[in-house]
PDB file of N, CA and C in Angstrom:
ATOM      1  N   MET A   1      82.406   1.799 -37.301  1.00  0.00           N
ATOM      2  CA  MET A   1      82.332   3.005 -37.600  1.00  0.00           C
ATOM      3  C   MET A   1      80.388   3.566 -36.902  1.00  0.00           C
ATOM      4  N   ALA A   2      79.929   2.735 -36.371  1.00  0.00           N
ATOM      5  CA  ALA A   2      78.777   3.013 -35.558  1.00  0.00           C
ATOM      6  C   ALA A   2      79.430   3.794 -34.117  1.00  0.00           C
ATOM      7  N   LYS A   3      80.238   2.846 -34.027  1.00  0.00           N
ATOM      8  CA  LYS A   3      80.988   3.138 -32.353  1.00  0.00           C
ATOM      9  C   LYS A   3      81.194   5.205 -32.784  1.00  0.00           C
ATOM     10  N   GLU A   4      82.059   5.333 -33.513  1.00  0.00           N
ATOM     11  CA  GLU A   4      83.119   6.754 -33.904  1.00  0.00           C
ATOM     12  C   GLU A   4      81.803   7.284 -33.876  1.00  0.00           C
ATOM     13  N   GLN A   5      80.069   7.421 -34.457  1.00  0.00           N
ATOM     14  CA  GLN A   5      79.174   8.031 -34.712  1.00  0.00           C
ATOM     15  C   GLN A   5      78.630   9.053 -33.478  1.00  0.00           C
ATOM     16  N   SER A   6      78.678   7.098 -32.318  1.00  0.00           N
ATOM     17  CA  SER A   6      77.901   7.533 -31.886  1.00  0.00           C
ATOM     18  C   SER A   6      78.894   8.104 -30.304  1.00  0.00           C
ATOM     19  N   ASN A   7      80.192   8.229 -30.730  1.00  0.00           N
ATOM     20  CA  ASN A   7      81.350   9.052 -29.438  1.00  0.00           C
ATOM     21  C   ASN A   7      80.673  11.088 -30.454  1.00  0.00           C
ATOM     22  N   LEU A   8      80.750  11.115 -31.307  1.00  0.00           N
ATOM     23  CA  LEU A   8      80.406  11.954 -31.926  1.00  0.00           C
ATOM     24  C   LEU A   8      79.082  13.177 -31.312  1.00  0.00           C
ATOM     25  N   GLN A   9      78.262  12.005 -31.576  1.00  0.00           N
ATOM     26  CA  GLN A   9      77.387  12.747 -31.408  1.00  0.00           C
ATOM     27  C   GLN A   9      76.924  13.097 -29.253  1.00  0.00           C
ATOM     28  N   GLY A  10      77.760  11.920 -28.950  1.00  0.00           N
ATOM     29  CA  GLY A  10      78.036  12.294 -27.944  1.00  0.00           C
ATOM     30  C   GLY A  10      78.663  13.765 -27.157  1.00  0.00           C
ATOM     31  N   GLU A  11      79.911  14.039 -27.701  1.00  0.00           N
ATOM     32  CA  GLU A  11      80.429  14.638 -27.600  1.00  0.00           C
ATOM     33  C   GLU A  11      79.795  16.100 -27.669  1.00  0.00           C
ATOM     34  N   ILE A  12      79.302  16.204 -28.857  1.00  0.00           N
ATOM     35  CA  ILE A  12      77.880  17.187 -29.872  1.00  0.00           C
ATOM     36  C   ILE A  12      76.972  17.476 -28.788  1.00  0.00           C
ATOM     37  N   LEU A  13      76.732  16.504 -28.076  1.00  0.00           N
ATOM     38  CA  LEU A  13      75.033  16.663 -26.995  1.00  0.00           C
ATOM     39  C   LEU A  13      75.800  17.805 -25.732  1.00  0.00           C
ATOM     40  N   ALA A  14      77.277  16.816 -25.257  1.00  0.00           N
ATOM     41  CA  ALA A  14      77.975  17.343 -24.177  1.00  0.00           C
ATOM     42  C   ALA A  14      78.660  19.094 -24.643  1.00  0.00           C
ATOM     43  N   GLU A  15      78.660  19.272 -25.452  1.00  0.00           N
ATOM     44  CA  GLU A  15      78.945  20.816 -25.665  1.00  0.00           C
ATOM     45  C   GLU A  15      77.645  21.490 -25.200  1.00  0.00           C
ATOM     46  N   ASP A  16      76.667  21.060 -25.891  1.00  0.00           N
ATOM     47  CA  ASP A  16      75.077  21.558 -26.288  1.00  0.00           C
ATOM     48  C   ASP A  16      74.995  21.758 -24.302  1.00  0.00           C
ATOM     49  N   LYS A  17      75.056  21.549 -24.191  1.00  0.00           N
ATOM     50  CA  LYS A  17      74.427  21.599 -22.511  1.00  0.00           C
ATOM     51  C   LYS A  17      75.148  22.045 -21.556  1.00  0.00           C
ATOM     52  N   LYS A  18      76.311  22.293 -22.533  1.00  0.00           N
ATOM     53  CA  LYS A  18      77.569  23.831 -21.571  1.00  0.00           C
ATOM     54  C   LYS A  18      76.888  25.105 -21.887  1.00  0.00           C
ATOM     55  N   GLN A  19      76.218  24.951 -23.033  1.00  0.00           N
ATOM     56  CA  GLN A  19      75.698  26.281 -23.919  1.00  0.00           C
ATOM     57  C   GLN A  19      74.887  26.719 -23.002  1.00  0.00           C
ATOM     58  N   LEU A  20      74.382  26.069 -22.329  1.00  0.00           N
ATOM     59  CA  LEU A  20      72.713  26.482 -21.811  1.00  0.00           C
ATOM     60  C   LEU A  20      73.256  27.311 -20.447  1.00  0.00           C
ATOM     61  N   GLN A  21      71.853  28.528 -20.717  1.00  0.00           N
ATOM     62  CA  GLN A  21      72.393  29.373 -18.852  1.00  0.00           C
ATOM     63  C   GLN A  21      71.039  29.337 -18.529  1.00  0.00           C
ATOM     64  N   GLU A  22      71.090  29.702 -17.154  1.00  0.00           N
ATOM     65  CA  GLU A  22      69.799  29.908 -16.568  1.00  0.00           C
ATOM     66  C   GLU A  22      69.542  31.571 -17.223  1.00  0.00           C
ATOM     67  N   PRO A  23      68.023  31.847 -17.037  1.00  0.00           N
ATOM     68  CA  PRO A  23      68.100  32.890 -18.100  1.00  0.00           C
ATOM     69  C   PRO A  23      68.078  33.873 -16.813  1.00  0.00           C
ATOM     70  N   PRO A  24      68.230  35.314 -16.612  1.00  0.00           N
ATOM     71  CA  PRO A  24      69.179  36.096 -15.911  1.00  0.00           C
ATOM     72  C   PRO A  24      67.418  36.140 -15.238  1.00  0.00           C
ATOM     73  N   LEU A  25      67.162  36.344 -13.747  1.00  0.00           N
ATOM     74  CA  LEU A  25      66.196  36.482 -12.753  1.00  0.00           C
ATOM     75  C   LEU A  25      66.328  38.235 -12.367  1.00  0.00           C
ATOM     76  N   PHE A  26      65.284  38.938 -12.221  1.00  0.00           N
ATOM     77  CA  PHE A  26      64.336  40.762 -12.714  1.00  0.00           C
ATOM     78  C   PHE A  26      63.720  40.602 -10.725  1.00  0.00           C
ATOM     79  N   LYS A  27      64.041  41.735  -9.798  1.00  0.00           N
ATOM     80  CA  LYS A  27      62.870  41.828  -8.993  1.00  0.00           C
ATOM     81  C   LYS A  27      61.569  42.858  -9.620  1.00  0.00           C
ATOM     82  N   VAL A  28      60.697  42.599  -9.058  1.00  0.00           N
ATOM     83  CA  VAL A  28      59.164  43.171  -8.831  1.00  0.00           C
ATOM     84  C   VAL A  28      59.047  43.766  -8.211  1.00  0.00           C
ATOM     85  N   LEU A  29      59.146  45.192  -8.290  1.00  0.00           N
ATOM     86  CA  LEU A  29      59.006  46.123  -6.864  1.00  0.00           C
ATOM     87  C   LEU A  29      57.602  46.574  -7.348  1.00  0.00           C
ATOM     88  N   LEU A  30      57.642  47.539  -6.315  1.00  0.00           N
ATOM     89  CA  LEU A  30      56.502  48.548  -6.133  1.00  0.00           C
ATOM     90  C   LEU A  30      56.087  49.253  -5.619  1.00  0.00           C
ATOM     91  N   HIS A  31      55.845  50.370  -5.568  1.00  0.00           N
ATOM     92  CA  HIS A  31      56.383  51.838  -4.769  1.00  0.00           C
ATOM     93  C   HIS A  31      55.431  52.690  -4.543  1.00  0.00           C
ATOM     94  N   ASN A  32      55.864  53.145  -3.109  1.00  0.00           N
ATOM     95  CA  ASN A  32      54.871  53.630  -2.598  1.00  0.00           C
ATOM     96  C   ASN A  32      54.490  54.991  -3.226  1.00  0.00           C
ATOM     97  N   ASP A  33      53.177  54.839  -2.619  1.00  0.00           N
ATOM     98  CA  ASP A  33      51.931  57.026  -2.813  1.00  0.00           C
ATOM     99  C   ASP A  33      51.509  56.702  -1.933  1.00  0.00           C
ATOM    100  N   ASP A  34      51.701  58.483  -2.007  1.00  0.00           N
ATOM    101  CA  ASP A  34      50.088  59.060  -0.692  1.00  0.00           C
ATOM    102  C   ASP A  34      48.657  58.333  -1.499  1.00  0.00           C
ATOM    103  N   TYR A  35      48.294  58.103  -2.546  1.00  0.00           N
ATOM    104  CA  TYR A  35      47.070  57.620  -3.204  1.00  0.00           C
ATOM    105  C   TYR A  35      46.342  56.336  -2.988  1.00  0.00           C
ATOM    106  N   THR A  36      47.354  55.193  -3.367  1.00  0.00           N
ATOM    107  CA  THR A  36      46.882  53.630  -3.307  1.00  0.00           C
ATOM    108  C   THR A  36      46.569  53.344  -2.189  1.00  0.00           C
ATOM    109  N   THR A  37      45.575  52.401  -2.016  1.00  0.00           N
ATOM    110  CA  THR A  37      45.181  52.154  -0.793  1.00  0.00           C
ATOM    111  C   THR A  37      45.970  50.460  -0.178  1.00  0.00           C
ATOM    112  N   MET A  38      46.273  50.374   1.269  1.00  0.00           N
ATOM    113  CA  MET A  38      47.146  49.492   1.333  1.00  0.00           C
ATOM    114  C   MET A  38      46.266  48.364   1.092  1.00  0.00           C
ATOM    115  N   ASP A  39      44.798  48.318   1.716  1.00  0.00           N
ATOM    116  CA  ASP A  39      43.776  47.011   0.852  1.00  0.00           C
ATOM    117  C   ASP A  39      44.228  47.133  -0.481  1.00  0.00           C
ATOM    118  N   PHE A  40      44.491  47.824  -1.039  1.00  0.00           N
ATOM    119  CA  PHE A  40      44.397  47.520  -3.165  1.00  0.00           C
ATOM    120  C   PHE A  40      45.354  46.740  -2.769  1.00  0.00           C
ATOM    121  N   VAL A  41      47.202  47.754  -1.946  1.00  0.00           N
ATOM    122  CA  VAL A  41      48.036  46.323  -2.480  1.00  0.00           C
ATOM    123  C   VAL A  41      48.515  45.178  -2.153  1.00  0.00           C
ATOM    124  N   VAL A  42      47.396  44.971  -1.071  1.00  0.00           N
ATOM    125  CA  VAL A  42      47.927  43.583  -0.393  1.00  0.00           C
ATOM    126  C   VAL A  42      46.858  42.638  -1.643  1.00  0.00           C
ATOM    127  N   MET A  43      45.201  43.921  -2.110  1.00  0.00           N
ATOM    128  CA  MET A  43      45.422  42.558  -3.158  1.00  0.00           C
ATOM    129  C   MET A  43      45.732  42.264  -4.519  1.00  0.00           C
ATOM    130  N   ILE A  44      45.987  42.887  -4.434  1.00  0.00           N
ATOM    131  CA  ILE A  44      47.850  42.461  -6.015  1.00  0.00           C
ATOM    132  C   ILE A  44      48.152  41.637  -6.206  1.00  0.00           C
ATOM    133  N   LEU A  45      49.451  41.839  -4.324  1.00  0.00           N
ATOM    134  CA  LEU A  45      50.308  41.147  -4.350  1.00  0.00           C
ATOM    135  C   LEU A  45      49.552  39.583  -3.895  1.00  0.00           C
ATOM    136  N   GLU A  46      48.140  39.145  -3.376  1.00  0.00           N
ATOM    137  CA  GLU A  46      47.394  38.105  -2.864  1.00  0.00           C
ATOM    138  C   GLU A  46      47.321  37.636  -4.693  1.00  0.00           C
ATOM    139  N   THR A  47      46.529  38.350  -5.670  1.00  0.00           N
ATOM    140  CA  THR A  47      45.737  37.794  -7.136  1.00  0.00           C
ATOM    141  C   THR A  47      47.403  37.739  -7.974  1.00  0.00           C
ATOM    142  N   ILE A  48      47.697  38.645  -8.138  1.00  0.00           N
ATOM    143  CA  ILE A  48      49.055  38.743  -9.102  1.00  0.00           C
ATOM    144  C   ILE A  48      50.457  38.222  -9.019  1.00  0.00           C
ATOM    145  N   PHE A  49      50.341  38.822  -7.806  1.00  0.00           N
ATOM    146  CA  PHE A  49      51.662  37.632  -7.540  1.00  0.00           C
ATOM    147  C   PHE A  49      51.981  36.299  -6.204  1.00  0.00           C
ATOM    148  N   ASN A  50      50.092  35.947  -6.068  1.00  0.00           N
ATOM    149  CA  ASN A  50      49.829  34.807  -5.038  1.00  0.00           C
ATOM    150  C   ASN A  50      51.003  34.572  -4.050  1.00  0.00           C
ATOM    151  N   LYS A  51      50.975  36.184  -3.448  1.00  0.00           N
ATOM    152  CA  LYS A  51      51.070  35.981  -2.039  1.00  0.00           C
ATOM    153  C   LYS A  51      49.910  35.398  -0.993  1.00  0.00           C
ATOM    154  N   ASP A  52      49.966  34.350   0.262  1.00  0.00           N
ATOM    155  CA  ASP A  52      49.355  34.260   0.978  1.00  0.00           C
ATOM    156  C   ASP A  52      49.415  36.454   2.251  1.00  0.00           C
ATOM    157  N   SER A  53      47.891  35.903   3.071  1.00  0.00           N
ATOM    158  CA  SER A  53      47.473  37.418   3.338  1.00  0.00           C
ATOM    159  C   SER A  53      49.072  38.389   4.689  1.00  0.00           C
ATOM    160  N   THR A  54      49.485  36.742   4.852  1.00  0.00           N
ATOM    161  CA  THR A  54      50.607  36.921   6.286  1.00  0.00           C
ATOM    162  C   THR A  54      51.511  38.262   4.984  1.00  0.00           C
ATOM    163  N   GLU A  55      51.877  37.104   3.509  1.00  0.00           N
ATOM    164  CA  GLU A  55      53.482  37.724   3.202  1.00  0.00           C
ATOM    165  C   GLU A  55      53.108  39.061   2.117  1.00  0.00           C
ATOM    166  N   ALA A  56      51.461  38.755   1.728  1.00  0.00           N
ATOM    167  CA  ALA A  56      51.591  40.304   0.842  1.00  0.00           C
ATOM    168  C   ALA A  56      51.198  42.004   2.332  1.00  0.00           C
ATOM    169  N   THR A  57      51.028  41.102   3.224  1.00  0.00           N
ATOM    170  CA  THR A  57      50.716  42.261   4.422  1.00  0.00           C
ATOM    171  C   THR A  57      51.972  42.373   5.018  1.00  0.00           C
ATOM    172  N   LYS A  58      53.067  41.716   4.809  1.00  0.00           N
ATOM    173  CA  LYS A  58      54.740  42.293   5.341  1.00  0.00           C
ATOM    174  C   LYS A  58      55.115  43.021   4.475  1.00  0.00           C
ATOM    175  N   ILE A  59      54.713  42.417   2.372  1.00  0.00           N
ATOM    176  CA  ILE A  59      55.698  43.313   1.619  1.00  0.00           C
ATOM    177  C   ILE A  59      55.008  44.702   1.655  1.00  0.00           C
ATOM    178  N   MET A  60      53.185  44.539   1.845  1.00  0.00           N
ATOM    179  CA  MET A  60      52.587  46.082   1.696  1.00  0.00           C
ATOM    180  C   MET A  60      52.861  46.791   2.822  1.00  0.00           C
ATOM    181  N   LEU A  61      53.684  46.477   4.000  1.00  0.00           N
ATOM    182  CA  LEU A  61      54.232  47.699   5.439  1.00  0.00           C
ATOM    183  C   LEU A  61      55.998  47.742   4.743  1.00  0.00           C
ATOM    184  N   ASP A  62      57.053  47.174   4.167  1.00  0.00           N
ATOM    185  CA  ASP A  62      57.326  47.252   3.184  1.00  0.00           C
ATOM    186  C   ASP A  62      57.373  48.307   2.355  1.00  0.00           C
ATOM    187  N   VAL A  63      55.995  48.944   1.467  1.00  0.00           N
ATOM    188  CA  VAL A  63      56.286  49.261   0.617  1.00  0.00           C
ATOM    189  C   VAL A  63      56.101  50.509   1.515  1.00  0.00           C
ATOM    190  N   HIS A  64      54.954  50.633   2.493  1.00  0.00           N
ATOM    191  CA  HIS A  64      54.646  51.707   3.279  1.00  0.00           C
ATOM    192  C   HIS A  64      55.976  52.639   3.394  1.00  0.00           C
ATOM    193  N   HIS A  65      56.282  51.839   4.457  1.00  0.00           N
ATOM    194  CA  HIS A  65      57.202  52.028   5.842  1.00  0.00           C
ATOM    195  C   HIS A  65      58.809  52.294   4.929  1.00  0.00           C
ATOM    196  N   GLN A  66      58.962  51.721   3.640  1.00  0.00           N
ATOM    197  CA  GLN A  66      60.816  51.930   3.080  1.00  0.00           C
ATOM    198  C   GLN A  66      60.341  52.314   1.543  1.00  0.00           C
ATOM    199  N   GLY A  67      59.096  52.254   0.951  1.00  0.00           N
ATOM    200  CA  GLY A  67      58.939  53.524  -0.572  1.00  0.00           C
ATOM    201  C   GLY A  67      59.184  52.356  -1.022  1.00  0.00           C
ATOM    202  N   MET A  68      59.035  50.670  -0.539  1.00  0.00           N
ATOM    203  CA  MET A  68      59.102  49.632  -2.557  1.00  0.00           C
ATOM    204  C   MET A  68      59.759  49.206  -1.224  1.00  0.00           C
ATOM    205  N   GLY A  69      58.648  47.293  -1.968  1.00  0.00           N
ATOM    206  CA  GLY A  69      58.932  46.222  -1.324  1.00  0.00           C
ATOM    207  C   GLY A  69      59.494  45.557  -2.397  1.00  0.00           C
ATOM    208  N   ILE A  70      59.406  44.193  -2.951  1.00  0.00           N
ATOM    209  CA  ILE A  70      59.939  42.328  -3.679  1.00  0.00           C
ATOM    210  C   ILE A  70      58.768  42.700  -3.359  1.00  0.00           C
ATOM    211  N   ALA A  71      57.687  42.450  -4.251  1.00  0.00           N
ATOM    212  CA  ALA A  71      56.427  41.698  -5.342  1.00  0.00           C
ATOM    213  C   ALA A  71      57.108  40.475  -5.514  1.00  0.00           C
ATOM    214  N   GLY A  72      57.919  39.773  -6.166  1.00  0.00           N
ATOM    215  CA  GLY A  72      58.448  38.460  -6.376  1.00  0.00           C
ATOM    216  C   GLY A  72      59.774  38.808  -7.270  1.00  0.00           C
ATOM    217  N   ILE A  73      60.563  37.467  -7.789  1.00  0.00           N
ATOM    218  CA  ILE A  73      61.189  37.431  -8.536  1.00  0.00           C
ATOM    219  C   ILE A  73      61.540  36.930  -9.760  1.00  0.00           C
ATOM    220  N   TYR A  74      61.357  37.075 -10.784  1.00  0.00           N
ATOM    221  CA  TYR A  74      60.992  36.350 -12.292  1.00  0.00           C
ATOM    222  C   TYR A  74      61.957  36.167 -12.982  1.00  0.00           C
ATOM    223  N   THR A  75      61.736  35.936 -14.385  1.00  0.00           N
ATOM    224  CA  THR A  75      62.252  35.954 -15.378  1.00  0.00           C
ATOM    225  C   THR A  75      61.890  37.671 -16.218  1.00  0.00           C
ATOM    226  N   ARG A  76      62.948  37.924 -17.372  1.00  0.00           N
ATOM    227  CA  ARG A  76      62.339  39.099 -17.690  1.00  0.00           C
ATOM    228  C   ARG A  76      60.516  38.716 -18.089  1.00  0.00           C
ATOM    229  N   GLU A  77      60.767  38.216 -18.596  1.00  0.00           N
ATOM    230  CA  GLU A  77      59.216  38.435 -20.079  1.00  0.00           C
ATOM    231  C   GLU A  77      57.949  38.207 -18.632  1.00  0.00           C
ATOM    232  N   ILE A  78      58.505  37.371 -17.880  1.00  0.00           N
ATOM    233  CA  ILE A  78      57.161  36.942 -16.558  1.00  0.00           C
ATOM    234  C   ILE A  78      57.142  38.536 -15.429  1.00  0.00           C
ATOM    235  N   GLY A  79      58.341  39.063 -14.852  1.00  0.00           N
ATOM    236  CA  GLY A  79      58.335  39.999 -14.545  1.00  0.00           C
ATOM    237  C   GLY A  79      57.698  41.669 -15.143  1.00  0.00           C
ATOM    238  N   GLU A  80      57.536  41.219 -16.647  1.00  0.00           N
ATOM    239  CA  GLU A  80      57.366  42.274 -16.637  1.00  0.00           C
ATOM    240  C   GLU A  80      55.632  42.170 -17.605  1.00  0.00           C
ATOM    241  N   THR A  81      55.618  41.168 -17.192  1.00  0.00           N
ATOM    242  CA  THR A  81      54.159  40.483 -17.845  1.00  0.00           C
ATOM    243  C   THR A  81      53.118  41.174 -16.223  1.00  0.00           C
ATOM    244  N   LYS A  82      53.687  40.670 -15.411  1.00  0.00           N
ATOM    245  CA  LYS A  82      53.385  40.978 -14.322  1.00  0.00           C
ATOM    246  C   LYS A  82      53.088  42.274 -13.772  1.00  0.00           C
ATOM    247  N   ILE A  83      53.704  43.315 -14.347  1.00  0.00           N
ATOM    248  CA  ILE A  83      54.051  44.801 -14.311  1.00  0.00           C
ATOM    249  C   ILE A  83      53.038  44.696 -14.848  1.00  0.00           C
ATOM    250  N   SER A  84      52.645  44.664 -15.889  1.00  0.00           N
ATOM    251  CA  SER A  84      51.500  45.289 -17.132  1.00  0.00           C
ATOM    252  C   SER A  84      50.043  44.972 -16.331  1.00  0.00           C
ATOM    253  N   GLN A  85      50.195  43.980 -15.628  1.00  0.00           N
ATOM    254  CA  GLN A  85      48.761  42.896 -15.193  1.00  0.00           C
ATOM    255  C   GLN A  85      48.247  44.180 -13.566  1.00  0.00           C
ATOM    256  N   VAL A  86      49.983  44.622 -12.712  1.00  0.00           N
ATOM    257  CA  VAL A  86      49.162  45.138 -11.838  1.00  0.00           C
ATOM    258  C   VAL A  86      49.065  47.247 -12.380  1.00  0.00           C
ATOM    259  N   HIS A  87      49.498  47.600 -12.827  1.00  0.00           N
ATOM    260  CA  HIS A  87      49.690  49.146 -14.113  1.00  0.00           C
ATOM    261  C   HIS A  87      48.125  48.668 -14.635  1.00  0.00           C
ATOM    262  N   HIS A  88      47.693  47.741 -15.430  1.00  0.00           N
ATOM    263  CA  HIS A  88      45.878  47.655 -15.823  1.00  0.00           C
ATOM    264  C   HIS A  88      44.949  48.065 -14.984  1.00  0.00           C
ATOM    265  N   LEU A  89      45.637  47.150 -13.299  1.00  0.00           N
ATOM    266  CA  LEU A  89      44.137  47.395 -12.854  1.00  0.00           C
ATOM    267  C   LEU A  89      44.516  48.117 -11.561  1.00  0.00           C
ATOM    268  N   ALA A  90      45.554  49.232 -11.275  1.00  0.00           N
ATOM    269  CA  ALA A  90      45.217  49.938 -10.804  1.00  0.00           C
ATOM    270  C   ALA A  90      45.182  51.415 -11.690  1.00  0.00           C
ATOM    271  N   GLN A  91      45.235  51.063 -12.491  1.00  0.00           N
ATOM    272  CA  GLN A  91      44.449  52.425 -13.294  1.00  0.00           C
ATOM    273  C   GLN A  91      43.159  51.820 -13.648  1.00  0.00           C
ATOM    274  N   LYS A  92      42.456  50.878 -13.761  1.00  0.00           N
ATOM    275  CA  LYS A  92      41.112  50.645 -13.953  1.00  0.00           C
ATOM    276  C   LYS A  92      40.399  51.195 -12.588  1.00  0.00           C
ATOM    277  N   ASN A  93      41.387  50.986 -10.699  1.00  0.00           N
ATOM    278  CA  ASN A  93      40.686  50.438  -9.789  1.00  0.00           C
ATOM    279  C   ASN A  93      40.385  52.436  -9.387  1.00  0.00           C
ATOM    280  N   GLN A  94      42.101  52.983 -11.056  1.00  0.00           N
ATOM    281  CA  GLN A  94      42.353  54.793  -9.820  1.00  0.00           C
ATOM    282  C   GLN A  94      43.060  55.115  -9.540  1.00  0.00           C
ATOM    283  N   PHE A  95      43.748  54.108  -8.883  1.00  0.00           N
ATOM    284  CA  PHE A  95      45.228  54.292  -8.565  1.00  0.00           C
ATOM    285  C   PHE A  95      46.839  54.455  -9.167  1.00  0.00           C
ATOM    286  N   PRO A  96      47.649  55.468  -8.882  1.00  0.00           N
ATOM    287  CA  PRO A  96      48.758  55.481  -9.553  1.00  0.00           C
ATOM    288  C   PRO A  96      49.718  54.646  -9.015  1.00  0.00           C
ATOM    289  N   LEU A  97      49.373  53.728  -9.067  1.00  0.00           N
ATOM    290  CA  LEU A  97      50.145  52.394  -8.121  1.00  0.00           C
ATOM    291  C   LEU A  97      51.304  51.886  -9.412  1.00  0.00           C
ATOM    292  N   LYS A  98      52.853  52.047  -8.872  1.00  0.00           N
ATOM    293  CA  LYS A  98      53.860  51.991  -9.775  1.00  0.00           C
ATOM    294  C   LYS A  98      54.586  50.585  -9.339  1.00  0.00           C
ATOM    295  N   CYS A  99      55.173  50.445 -10.136  1.00  0.00           N
ATOM    296  CA  CYS A  99      55.139  49.269 -10.506  1.00  0.00           C
ATOM    297  C   CYS A  99      57.114  48.902 -11.464  1.00  0.00           C
ATOM    298  N   SER A 100      57.990  48.118 -10.877  1.00  0.00           N
ATOM    299  CA  SER A 100      58.889  48.581 -12.075  1.00  0.00           C
ATOM    300  C   SER A 100      59.709  47.280 -11.368  1.00  0.00           C
ATOM    301  N   LEU A 101      60.858  46.813 -12.384  1.00  0.00           N
ATOM    302  CA  LEU A 101      62.061  45.763 -12.490  1.00  0.00           C
ATOM    303  C   LEU A 101      63.399  45.801 -12.751  1.00  0.00           C
ATOM    304  N   GLU A 102      63.911  45.641 -11.722  1.00  0.00           N
ATOM    305  CA  GLU A 102      65.212  45.360 -11.335  1.00  0.00           C
ATOM    306  C   GLU A 102      66.358  44.470 -11.272  1.00  0.00           C
ATOM    307  N   LYS A 103      67.293  44.567 -12.263  1.00  0.00           N
ATOM    308  CA  LYS A 103      67.960  43.194 -12.395  1.00  0.00           C
ATOM    309  C   LYS A 103      68.480  42.524 -11.055  1.00  0.00           C
ATOM    310  N   ASP A 104      68.366  41.608 -10.773  1.00  0.00           N
ATOM    311  CA  ASP A 104      69.116  40.372  -9.412  1.00  0.00           C
ATOM    312  C   ASP A 104      70.055  40.253  -9.381  1.00  0.00           C
ATOM    313  N   CYS A 105      70.897  40.524  -8.430  1.00  0.00           N
ATOM    314  CA  CYS A 105      72.297  40.212  -8.649  1.00  0.00           C
ATOM    315  C   CYS A 105      72.757  38.759  -8.568  1.00  0.00           C
TER     316      CYS A 105
END
């Protein structure tokens, strides 16, 4: 009888593991505007997105030249939190910097 119970529990655990899936990932995008300074965008990338200055500068130049740049790829909840932080700091510093979320394929 004990042997049957352990098999049954093993099967149930195996079924539970099959159902677990990785959460979908989303790109956090920074959008270019005519007012936000390049230095502010680099500061946002370093402080909120934990980028080193070289990577932050590269992303900032993508934003400047291509109209947008990928600040990072996160789960929806983390991405939304980072967007909220960007918008809060931008508003506090009187910049119209926009940030958005796009599903990563």
